[in-house]
Protein backbone atom coordinates (compact mmCIF):
# COMPACT_ATOMS: atom_id res chain seq x y z
CA MET A 1 88.40 122.22 152.59
CA PRO A 2 90.54 124.08 155.04
CA ASN A 3 94.25 124.02 154.39
CA SER A 4 93.85 122.32 151.01
CA PRO A 5 96.16 123.60 148.27
CA SER A 6 94.66 125.54 145.41
CA ALA A 7 94.84 124.17 141.88
CA ALA A 8 97.80 126.40 141.08
CA GLN A 9 99.66 125.35 144.22
CA SER A 10 99.10 121.65 143.57
CA GLY A 11 100.28 121.94 139.95
CA ASP A 12 96.87 121.07 138.48
CA PHE A 13 96.19 123.75 135.88
CA THR A 14 93.30 121.88 134.22
CA PRO A 15 90.57 124.17 135.61
CA MET A 16 92.40 127.27 134.41
CA PHE A 17 92.97 125.92 130.91
CA SER A 18 89.47 124.49 130.57
CA ARG A 19 88.16 128.07 130.82
CA SER A 20 90.71 129.49 128.41
CA PHE A 21 89.27 131.20 125.33
CA VAL A 22 91.91 129.58 123.13
CA VAL A 23 91.20 126.08 124.44
CA GLN A 24 87.45 126.54 124.08
CA MET A 25 87.87 127.89 120.55
CA PHE A 26 90.07 124.90 119.68
CA ARG A 27 87.41 122.50 120.98
CA ASP A 28 84.66 124.27 119.07
CA GLU A 29 86.79 124.38 115.92
CA LEU A 30 87.47 120.65 116.21
CA ASP A 31 83.72 120.04 116.49
CA GLU A 32 83.20 122.08 113.31
CA ILE A 33 85.90 120.12 111.46
CA ASN A 34 84.31 116.82 112.50
CA ARG A 35 80.91 118.11 111.36
CA HIS A 36 82.47 119.13 108.05
CA LYS A 37 84.03 115.65 107.74
CA TRP A 38 80.59 114.13 108.19
CA TYR A 39 79.08 116.36 105.49
CA LEU A 40 81.90 115.62 103.05
CA SER A 41 81.68 111.90 103.75
CA GLU A 42 77.94 111.96 103.08
CA GLU A 43 78.53 113.88 99.86
CA HIS A 44 81.23 111.45 98.71
CA ARG A 45 79.28 108.42 99.94
CA GLY A 46 82.19 107.19 102.02
CA ASP A 47 84.59 108.26 104.74
CA VAL A 48 86.85 111.02 103.42
CA GLY A 49 89.16 110.89 106.43
CA PHE A 50 90.04 113.55 108.96
CA ASP A 51 93.11 114.90 107.12
CA PHE A 52 91.15 115.58 103.93
CA ALA A 53 88.29 117.17 105.86
CA LEU A 54 90.70 119.30 107.89
CA MET A 55 92.53 120.66 104.84
CA ASN A 56 89.26 121.29 103.00
CA TRP A 57 87.78 123.09 106.01
CA VAL A 58 90.90 125.21 106.56
CA LYS A 59 91.02 126.18 102.90
CA ASN A 60 87.32 126.94 102.51
CA HIS A 61 85.79 127.79 105.89
CA ARG A 62 88.22 128.56 108.72
CA ASP A 63 88.70 132.30 108.23
CA ALA A 64 84.98 133.03 108.08
CA TRP A 65 84.26 130.66 110.98
CA ARG A 66 86.88 132.26 113.22
CA SER A 67 85.68 135.77 112.44
CA ALA A 68 82.09 134.81 113.22
CA TYR A 69 83.18 132.93 116.35
CA VAL A 70 85.06 135.87 117.82
CA ARG A 71 82.36 138.36 116.77
CA ALA A 72 79.62 136.22 118.36
CA ARG A 73 81.44 135.99 121.68
CA TYR A 74 83.28 139.30 121.94
CA GLY A 75 81.63 141.60 119.41
CA ALA A 76 80.05 143.84 122.02
CA LEU A 77 83.37 144.24 123.79
CA MET A 78 85.16 144.98 120.53
CA GLY A 79 82.54 147.40 119.25
CA CYS A 80 81.42 145.10 116.41
């Protein structure tokens, strides 16, 4: 559209943030936590709750997941 303001001019930063590496990583990490919650709930034969799943995932899986996540997306750029 001619003379229409850009997203930055109109104050709508949603497109910029939706492409952000940090935001995408957060979304993917949340998906992993929810998947982990499902596995734990199946193992315990009942809903374990998000808080329990989150703490368990952070304690046992987050560091390795983040390393693999960054390596998979940026390894070639980082020389990995």
